[in-house]
Amino acid sequence: MNPSLTLLAAEAGQMRDYHDLTWWGAVVVGVLALAGALFILVSAVAMYLAPDALSQVNMLGPAMSMGLPLLIISHLTYSWMTGGFALGELLEAAGAIGALLVVQAVGSYVVGRALHATHWDHTVPLSGGEREPEKD
C-alpha cells in the first residue's frame, strides 16, 4: 500500500489493529460455526427424508432460524476477536439475522399457501410410489 495513503488513513482513524486469534477464541468461533453447520446438515437430511413437499418446506425451519444465524454470529465473533468491536458489524449482523428470519417466515407461508392452492395431493410420496390405503 502506498505509504502516503496509509498515513492518511491512520490520521483519519480508519486503520484497525488486528490481533491473532487466541485458542479460546478459535474454540468459541469453531463451536458456533460447527453448531450452525450441524443444524443445516440435519435439516438437509430431514428434507431428503421428508415424505412430501409440504414436509420438506417445514424442514427448512431449523436451518434458517438457527443454522444461518449461528454462522453469522460465528463470523461476527471472529471479526471481534481479531479486529475489535465495531458497531457497524454488529448492526450488519443484526440486520442480516432479522431479515433472514422475516424472509424465512414469509417464504414458508407463501410456499405453503401455493402448495395448498394447487390442490395437489401432498400426501402422495415424492418417489412416485403409491399411498397406503386408508384404514377404517
N, C-alpha and C. Protein backbone atom coordinates (compact mmCIF):
# COMPACT_ATOMS: atom_id res chain seq x y z
N MET A 1 0.85 -1.17 0.00
CA MET A 1 0.00 0.00 0.00
C MET A 1 0.90 1.23 0.00
N ASN A 2 0.43 2.24 -0.64
CA ASN A 2 1.16 3.50 -0.73
C ASN A 2 1.32 4.09 0.68
N PRO A 3 2.59 4.45 1.07
CA PRO A 3 2.81 4.98 2.43
C PRO A 3 2.01 6.25 2.71
N SER A 4 1.81 7.09 1.71
CA SER A 4 1.05 8.32 1.97
C SER A 4 -0.43 8.01 2.23
N LEU A 5 -0.98 6.97 1.55
CA LEU A 5 -2.36 6.57 1.81
C LEU A 5 -2.49 5.96 3.20
N THR A 6 -1.48 5.19 3.61
CA THR A 6 -1.50 4.62 4.95
C THR A 6 -1.51 5.71 6.00
N LEU A 7 -0.69 6.75 5.78
CA LEU A 7 -0.63 7.86 6.72
C LEU A 7 -1.96 8.60 6.77
N LEU A 8 -2.57 8.81 5.60
CA LEU A 8 -3.87 9.50 5.58
C LEU A 8 -4.95 8.67 6.28
N ALA A 9 -4.95 7.36 6.04
CA ALA A 9 -5.93 6.50 6.68
C ALA A 9 -5.72 6.47 8.19
N ALA A 10 -4.46 6.44 8.62
CA ALA A 10 -4.16 6.41 10.04
C ALA A 10 -4.58 7.73 10.71
N GLU A 11 -4.39 8.83 10.02
CA GLU A 11 -4.79 10.11 10.58
C GLU A 11 -6.30 10.24 10.66
N ALA A 12 -7.00 9.62 9.74
CA ALA A 12 -8.47 9.70 9.73
C ALA A 12 -9.09 8.73 10.72
N GLY A 13 -8.27 7.89 11.34
CA GLY A 13 -8.79 6.93 12.31
C GLY A 13 -9.43 5.72 11.67
N GLN A 14 -9.08 5.43 10.43
CA GLN A 14 -9.68 4.31 9.72
C GLN A 14 -8.86 3.03 9.82
N MET A 15 -7.65 3.12 10.29
CA MET A 15 -6.81 1.92 10.42
C MET A 15 -7.27 1.13 11.64
N ARG A 16 -7.39 -0.17 11.48
CA ARG A 16 -7.78 -1.04 12.58
C ARG A 16 -6.61 -1.91 12.96
N ASP A 17 -6.51 -2.17 14.23
CA ASP A 17 -5.47 -3.04 14.74
C ASP A 17 -5.99 -4.47 14.73
N TYR A 18 -5.31 -5.37 14.04
CA TYR A 18 -5.73 -6.76 14.00
C TYR A 18 -4.85 -7.60 14.91
N HIS A 19 -5.47 -8.53 15.61
CA HIS A 19 -4.75 -9.39 16.54
C HIS A 19 -4.89 -10.83 16.06
N ASP A 20 -3.97 -11.66 16.50
CA ASP A 20 -4.10 -13.09 16.23
C ASP A 20 -5.25 -13.66 17.06
N LEU A 21 -5.88 -14.65 16.52
CA LEU A 21 -6.98 -15.29 17.22
C LEU A 21 -6.41 -16.17 18.33
N THR A 22 -6.89 -16.00 19.54
CA THR A 22 -6.42 -16.81 20.66
C THR A 22 -7.03 -18.20 20.56
N TRP A 23 -6.50 -19.13 21.33
CA TRP A 23 -7.00 -20.51 21.25
C TRP A 23 -8.45 -20.59 21.74
N TRP A 24 -8.79 -19.85 22.78
CA TRP A 24 -10.16 -19.91 23.26
C TRP A 24 -11.11 -19.20 22.30
N GLY A 25 -10.62 -18.18 21.62
CA GLY A 25 -11.43 -17.52 20.59
C GLY A 25 -11.70 -18.46 19.43
N ALA A 26 -10.67 -19.23 19.05
CA ALA A 26 -10.85 -20.20 17.97
C ALA A 26 -11.84 -21.28 18.36
N VAL A 27 -11.82 -21.67 19.64
CA VAL A 27 -12.77 -22.68 20.12
C VAL A 27 -14.20 -22.13 20.06
N VAL A 28 -14.39 -20.91 20.52
CA VAL A 28 -15.73 -20.31 20.52
C VAL A 28 -16.25 -20.17 19.09
N VAL A 29 -15.41 -19.63 18.20
CA VAL A 29 -15.81 -19.45 16.81
C VAL A 29 -16.08 -20.81 16.17
N GLY A 30 -15.22 -21.78 16.44
CA GLY A 30 -15.41 -23.12 15.87
C GLY A 30 -16.67 -23.80 16.34
N VAL A 31 -16.96 -23.69 17.63
CA VAL A 31 -18.18 -24.32 18.17
C VAL A 31 -19.42 -23.67 17.57
N LEU A 32 -19.43 -22.34 17.46
CA LEU A 32 -20.58 -21.66 16.85
C LEU A 32 -20.75 -22.08 15.39
N ALA A 33 -19.65 -22.13 14.65
CA ALA A 33 -19.73 -22.50 13.24
C ALA A 33 -20.15 -23.95 13.06
N LEU A 34 -19.60 -24.85 13.89
CA LEU A 34 -19.98 -26.25 13.78
C LEU A 34 -21.44 -26.48 14.19
N ALA A 35 -21.91 -25.76 15.19
CA ALA A 35 -23.31 -25.89 15.59
C ALA A 35 -24.23 -25.42 14.46
N GLY A 36 -23.89 -24.30 13.83
CA GLY A 36 -24.68 -23.82 12.70
C GLY A 36 -24.67 -24.79 11.54
N ALA A 37 -23.49 -25.33 11.24
CA ALA A 37 -23.38 -26.29 10.14
C ALA A 37 -24.15 -27.57 10.46
N LEU A 38 -24.16 -27.97 11.73
CA LEU A 38 -24.90 -29.17 12.12
C LEU A 38 -26.40 -28.98 11.95
N PHE A 39 -26.91 -27.81 12.32
CA PHE A 39 -28.33 -27.51 12.09
C PHE A 39 -28.67 -27.61 10.61
N ILE A 40 -27.80 -27.07 9.76
CA ILE A 40 -28.06 -27.09 8.32
C ILE A 40 -27.98 -28.52 7.79
N LEU A 41 -27.01 -29.30 8.25
CA LEU A 41 -26.88 -30.68 7.79
C LEU A 41 -28.09 -31.52 8.20
N VAL A 42 -28.50 -31.40 9.44
CA VAL A 42 -29.65 -32.17 9.91
C VAL A 42 -30.92 -31.76 9.15
N SER A 43 -31.07 -30.48 8.87
CA SER A 43 -32.24 -30.03 8.10
C SER A 43 -32.20 -30.56 6.68
N ALA A 44 -31.01 -30.60 6.08
CA ALA A 44 -30.90 -31.12 4.72
C ALA A 44 -31.24 -32.60 4.67
N VAL A 45 -30.77 -33.37 5.65
CA VAL A 45 -31.10 -34.79 5.69
C VAL A 45 -32.59 -34.98 5.93
N ALA A 46 -33.16 -34.20 6.82
CA ALA A 46 -34.60 -34.30 7.09
C ALA A 46 -35.41 -33.93 5.85
N MET A 47 -34.96 -32.93 5.10
CA MET A 47 -35.66 -32.58 3.85
C MET A 47 -35.60 -33.74 2.86
N TYR A 48 -34.46 -34.38 2.78
CA TYR A 48 -34.30 -35.51 1.86
C TYR A 48 -35.22 -36.67 2.25
N LEU A 49 -35.40 -36.88 3.53
CA LEU A 49 -36.21 -37.99 4.01
C LEU A 49 -37.69 -37.65 4.17
N ALA A 50 -38.06 -36.39 4.01
CA ALA A 50 -39.46 -35.99 4.18
C ALA A 50 -40.34 -36.66 3.13
N PRO A 51 -41.53 -37.06 3.53
CA PRO A 51 -42.38 -37.80 2.60
C PRO A 51 -43.06 -36.96 1.53
N ASP A 52 -43.22 -35.66 1.75
CA ASP A 52 -43.93 -34.85 0.77
C ASP A 52 -43.37 -33.43 0.75
N ALA A 53 -43.83 -32.65 -0.21
CA ALA A 53 -43.30 -31.30 -0.40
C ALA A 53 -43.59 -30.37 0.77
N LEU A 54 -44.76 -30.48 1.34
CA LEU A 54 -45.11 -29.61 2.47
C LEU A 54 -44.21 -29.89 3.67
N SER A 55 -43.91 -31.15 3.90
CA SER A 55 -43.00 -31.50 4.99
C SER A 55 -41.59 -31.00 4.70
N GLN A 56 -41.19 -31.02 3.43
CA GLN A 56 -39.87 -30.52 3.08
C GLN A 56 -39.75 -29.03 3.37
N VAL A 57 -40.80 -28.28 3.08
CA VAL A 57 -40.79 -26.85 3.38
C VAL A 57 -40.66 -26.63 4.88
N ASN A 58 -41.34 -27.45 5.67
CA ASN A 58 -41.28 -27.32 7.12
C ASN A 58 -39.90 -27.66 7.67
N MET A 59 -39.15 -28.49 6.97
CA MET A 59 -37.81 -28.87 7.44
C MET A 59 -36.78 -27.75 7.28
N LEU A 60 -37.13 -26.70 6.57
CA LEU A 60 -36.21 -25.57 6.43
C LEU A 60 -36.09 -24.75 7.70
N GLY A 61 -37.05 -24.87 8.59
CA GLY A 61 -37.09 -24.05 9.80
C GLY A 61 -35.80 -24.07 10.62
N PRO A 62 -35.31 -25.23 11.05
CA PRO A 62 -34.10 -25.23 11.87
C PRO A 62 -32.87 -24.66 11.16
N ALA A 63 -32.74 -24.93 9.88
CA ALA A 63 -31.58 -24.40 9.15
C ALA A 63 -31.63 -22.89 9.03
N MET A 64 -32.81 -22.37 8.75
CA MET A 64 -32.94 -20.93 8.53
C MET A 64 -33.03 -20.14 9.83
N SER A 65 -33.63 -20.72 10.86
CA SER A 65 -33.82 -19.95 12.09
C SER A 65 -32.71 -20.15 13.11
N MET A 66 -31.92 -21.22 12.99
CA MET A 66 -30.82 -21.45 13.92
C MET A 66 -29.48 -21.59 13.22
N GLY A 67 -29.43 -22.36 12.14
CA GLY A 67 -28.15 -22.64 11.47
C GLY A 67 -27.48 -21.41 10.89
N LEU A 68 -28.18 -20.68 10.06
CA LEU A 68 -27.58 -19.50 9.44
C LEU A 68 -27.31 -18.37 10.43
N PRO A 69 -28.21 -18.08 11.39
CA PRO A 69 -27.84 -17.09 12.41
C PRO A 69 -26.60 -17.48 13.22
N LEU A 70 -26.44 -18.77 13.52
CA LEU A 70 -25.23 -19.19 14.24
C LEU A 70 -23.98 -18.96 13.39
N LEU A 71 -24.07 -19.18 12.09
CA LEU A 71 -22.92 -18.90 11.22
C LEU A 71 -22.62 -17.41 11.17
N ILE A 72 -23.64 -16.59 11.13
CA ILE A 72 -23.44 -15.14 11.13
C ILE A 72 -22.81 -14.69 12.45
N ILE A 73 -23.28 -15.23 13.56
CA ILE A 73 -22.72 -14.88 14.87
C ILE A 73 -21.28 -15.38 14.98
N SER A 74 -21.00 -16.54 14.40
CA SER A 74 -19.63 -17.05 14.39
C SER A 74 -18.70 -16.09 13.65
N HIS A 75 -19.14 -15.61 12.51
CA HIS A 75 -18.33 -14.66 11.75
C HIS A 75 -18.15 -13.35 12.53
N LEU A 76 -19.20 -12.89 13.17
CA LEU A 76 -19.13 -11.66 13.97
C LEU A 76 -18.15 -11.84 15.14
N THR A 77 -18.21 -12.98 15.79
CA THR A 77 -17.29 -13.26 16.90
C THR A 77 -15.85 -13.29 16.42
N TYR A 78 -15.61 -13.93 15.28
CA TYR A 78 -14.25 -13.97 14.72
C TYR A 78 -13.76 -12.56 14.41
N SER A 79 -14.62 -11.77 13.83
CA SER A 79 -14.26 -10.39 13.48
C SER A 79 -13.92 -9.58 14.73
N TRP A 80 -14.72 -9.75 15.78
CA TRP A 80 -14.46 -9.02 17.02
C TRP A 80 -13.19 -9.51 17.71
N MET A 81 -12.91 -10.81 17.62
CA MET A 81 -11.72 -11.34 18.28
C MET A 81 -10.44 -10.89 17.59
N THR A 82 -10.51 -10.69 16.28
CA THR A 82 -9.30 -10.32 15.55
C THR A 82 -9.19 -8.81 15.33
N GLY A 83 -10.29 -8.13 15.22
CA GLY A 83 -10.23 -6.71 14.90
C GLY A 83 -10.83 -5.79 15.93
N GLY A 84 -11.41 -6.33 16.97
CA GLY A 84 -12.05 -5.50 17.98
C GLY A 84 -13.50 -5.21 17.64
N PHE A 85 -14.17 -4.63 18.61
CA PHE A 85 -15.60 -4.32 18.45
C PHE A 85 -15.81 -3.26 17.39
N ALA A 86 -16.78 -3.48 16.53
CA ALA A 86 -17.17 -2.49 15.53
C ALA A 86 -18.69 -2.45 15.49
N LEU A 87 -19.23 -1.29 15.76
CA LEU A 87 -20.68 -1.13 15.81
C LEU A 87 -21.32 -1.44 14.46
N GLY A 88 -20.65 -1.07 13.37
CA GLY A 88 -21.19 -1.33 12.04
C GLY A 88 -21.36 -2.81 11.77
N GLU A 89 -20.40 -3.61 12.21
CA GLU A 89 -20.50 -5.06 12.02
C GLU A 89 -21.64 -5.64 12.85
N LEU A 90 -21.83 -5.12 14.06
CA LEU A 90 -22.94 -5.57 14.89
C LEU A 90 -24.28 -5.25 14.24
N LEU A 91 -24.40 -4.04 13.70
CA LEU A 91 -25.65 -3.65 13.03
C LEU A 91 -25.88 -4.48 11.78
N GLU A 92 -24.82 -4.77 11.02
CA GLU A 92 -24.95 -5.61 9.83
C GLU A 92 -25.42 -7.01 10.20
N ALA A 93 -24.82 -7.59 11.24
CA ALA A 93 -25.21 -8.94 11.67
C ALA A 93 -26.64 -8.96 12.17
N ALA A 94 -27.02 -7.97 12.97
CA ALA A 94 -28.39 -7.91 13.48
C ALA A 94 -29.38 -7.74 12.33
N GLY A 95 -29.05 -6.90 11.37
CA GLY A 95 -29.91 -6.71 10.21
C GLY A 95 -30.03 -7.97 9.37
N ALA A 96 -28.90 -8.66 9.18
CA ALA A 96 -28.91 -9.90 8.39
C ALA A 96 -29.75 -10.97 9.07
N ILE A 97 -29.59 -11.13 10.38
CA ILE A 97 -30.36 -12.14 11.10
C ILE A 97 -31.85 -11.77 11.10
N GLY A 98 -32.16 -10.51 11.34
CA GLY A 98 -33.55 -10.07 11.31
C GLY A 98 -34.20 -10.28 9.95
N ALA A 99 -33.49 -9.89 8.90
CA ALA A 99 -34.02 -10.07 7.54
C ALA A 99 -34.17 -11.55 7.20
N LEU A 100 -33.22 -12.35 7.65
CA LEU A 100 -33.28 -13.79 7.40
C LEU A 100 -34.51 -14.41 8.04
N LEU A 101 -34.80 -14.03 9.26
CA LEU A 101 -35.97 -14.58 9.94
C LEU A 101 -37.28 -14.12 9.30
N VAL A 102 -37.33 -12.87 8.86
CA VAL A 102 -38.53 -12.38 8.20
C VAL A 102 -38.73 -13.06 6.85
N VAL A 103 -37.67 -13.16 6.06
CA VAL A 103 -37.77 -13.79 4.75
C VAL A 103 -38.13 -15.26 4.89
N GLN A 104 -37.57 -15.94 5.89
CA GLN A 104 -37.88 -17.35 6.10
C GLN A 104 -39.35 -17.54 6.46
N ALA A 105 -39.86 -16.71 7.33
CA ALA A 105 -41.26 -16.84 7.74
C ALA A 105 -42.21 -16.54 6.58
N VAL A 106 -41.95 -15.47 5.86
CA VAL A 106 -42.81 -15.11 4.73
C VAL A 106 -42.69 -16.14 3.61
N GLY A 107 -41.48 -16.58 3.33
CA GLY A 107 -41.27 -17.57 2.27
C GLY A 107 -41.96 -18.89 2.58
N SER A 108 -41.87 -19.34 3.82
CA SER A 108 -42.52 -20.58 4.21
C SER A 108 -44.04 -20.45 4.09
N TYR A 109 -44.58 -19.30 4.48
CA TYR A 109 -46.01 -19.06 4.37
C TYR A 109 -46.46 -19.08 2.90
N VAL A 110 -45.71 -18.39 2.05
CA VAL A 110 -46.09 -18.31 0.63
C VAL A 110 -46.00 -19.68 -0.04
N VAL A 111 -44.95 -20.43 0.23
CA VAL A 111 -44.81 -21.75 -0.39
C VAL A 111 -45.90 -22.69 0.12
N GLY A 112 -46.20 -22.63 1.41
CA GLY A 112 -47.27 -23.47 1.95
C GLY A 112 -48.62 -23.15 1.33
N ARG A 113 -48.92 -21.87 1.16
CA ARG A 113 -50.18 -21.49 0.52
C ARG A 113 -50.20 -21.93 -0.94
N ALA A 114 -49.06 -21.80 -1.61
CA ALA A 114 -49.00 -22.21 -3.02
C ALA A 114 -49.23 -23.72 -3.16
N LEU A 115 -48.69 -24.50 -2.24
CA LEU A 115 -48.91 -25.95 -2.30
C LEU A 115 -50.38 -26.29 -2.08
N HIS A 116 -51.02 -25.61 -1.14
CA HIS A 116 -52.42 -25.89 -0.90
C HIS A 116 -53.32 -25.32 -2.00
N ALA A 117 -52.94 -24.23 -2.61
CA ALA A 117 -53.76 -23.61 -3.66
C ALA A 117 -53.79 -24.46 -4.93
N THR A 118 -52.78 -25.28 -5.15
CA THR A 118 -52.76 -26.10 -6.36
C THR A 118 -53.65 -27.32 -6.24
N HIS A 119 -54.17 -27.57 -5.04
CA HIS A 119 -54.99 -28.76 -4.77
C HIS A 119 -54.23 -30.03 -5.11
N TRP A 120 -52.93 -29.94 -4.96
CA TRP A 120 -52.08 -31.09 -5.22
C TRP A 120 -52.11 -31.99 -4.00
N ASP A 121 -52.23 -33.27 -4.22
CA ASP A 121 -52.29 -34.22 -3.11
C ASP A 121 -50.88 -34.37 -2.54
N HIS A 122 -50.60 -33.59 -1.50
CA HIS A 122 -49.25 -33.58 -0.94
C HIS A 122 -48.97 -34.78 -0.05
N THR A 123 -49.93 -35.67 0.09
CA THR A 123 -49.69 -36.85 0.91
C THR A 123 -49.12 -38.00 0.09
N VAL A 124 -49.11 -37.86 -1.24
CA VAL A 124 -48.52 -38.90 -2.08
C VAL A 124 -47.00 -38.80 -1.97
N PRO A 125 -46.30 -39.92 -1.75
CA PRO A 125 -44.84 -39.86 -1.63
C PRO A 125 -44.19 -39.28 -2.87
N LEU A 126 -43.10 -38.53 -2.67
CA LEU A 126 -42.40 -37.89 -3.78
C LEU A 126 -41.71 -38.89 -4.69
N SER A 127 -41.47 -40.10 -4.19
CA SER A 127 -40.79 -41.10 -5.00
C SER A 127 -41.67 -41.64 -6.12
N GLY A 128 -42.93 -41.25 -6.13
CA GLY A 128 -43.83 -41.73 -7.16
C GLY A 128 -44.56 -43.00 -6.76
N GLY A 129 -44.30 -43.46 -5.56
CA GLY A 129 -44.95 -44.67 -5.08
C GLY A 129 -46.42 -44.43 -4.78
N GLU A 130 -47.07 -45.47 -4.43
CA GLU A 130 -48.49 -45.40 -4.11
C GLU A 130 -48.68 -45.08 -2.64
N ARG A 131 -49.74 -44.35 -2.36
CA ARG A 131 -50.10 -44.03 -0.98
C ARG A 131 -50.70 -45.27 -0.34
N GLU A 132 -50.43 -45.43 0.96
CA GLU A 132 -51.01 -46.56 1.67
C GLU A 132 -52.53 -46.41 1.73
N PRO A 133 -53.24 -47.51 1.59
CA PRO A 133 -54.71 -47.42 1.66
C PRO A 133 -55.15 -46.99 3.05
N GLU A 134 -56.23 -46.22 3.06
CA GLU A 134 -56.75 -45.72 4.34
C GLU A 134 -57.41 -46.86 5.08
N LYS A 135 -57.13 -46.90 6.38
CA LYS A 135 -57.71 -47.95 7.22
C LYS A 135 -58.97 -47.40 7.90
N ASP A 136 -59.99 -48.20 7.90
CA ASP A 136 -61.24 -47.76 8.51
C ASP A 136 -61.31 -48.07 9.96
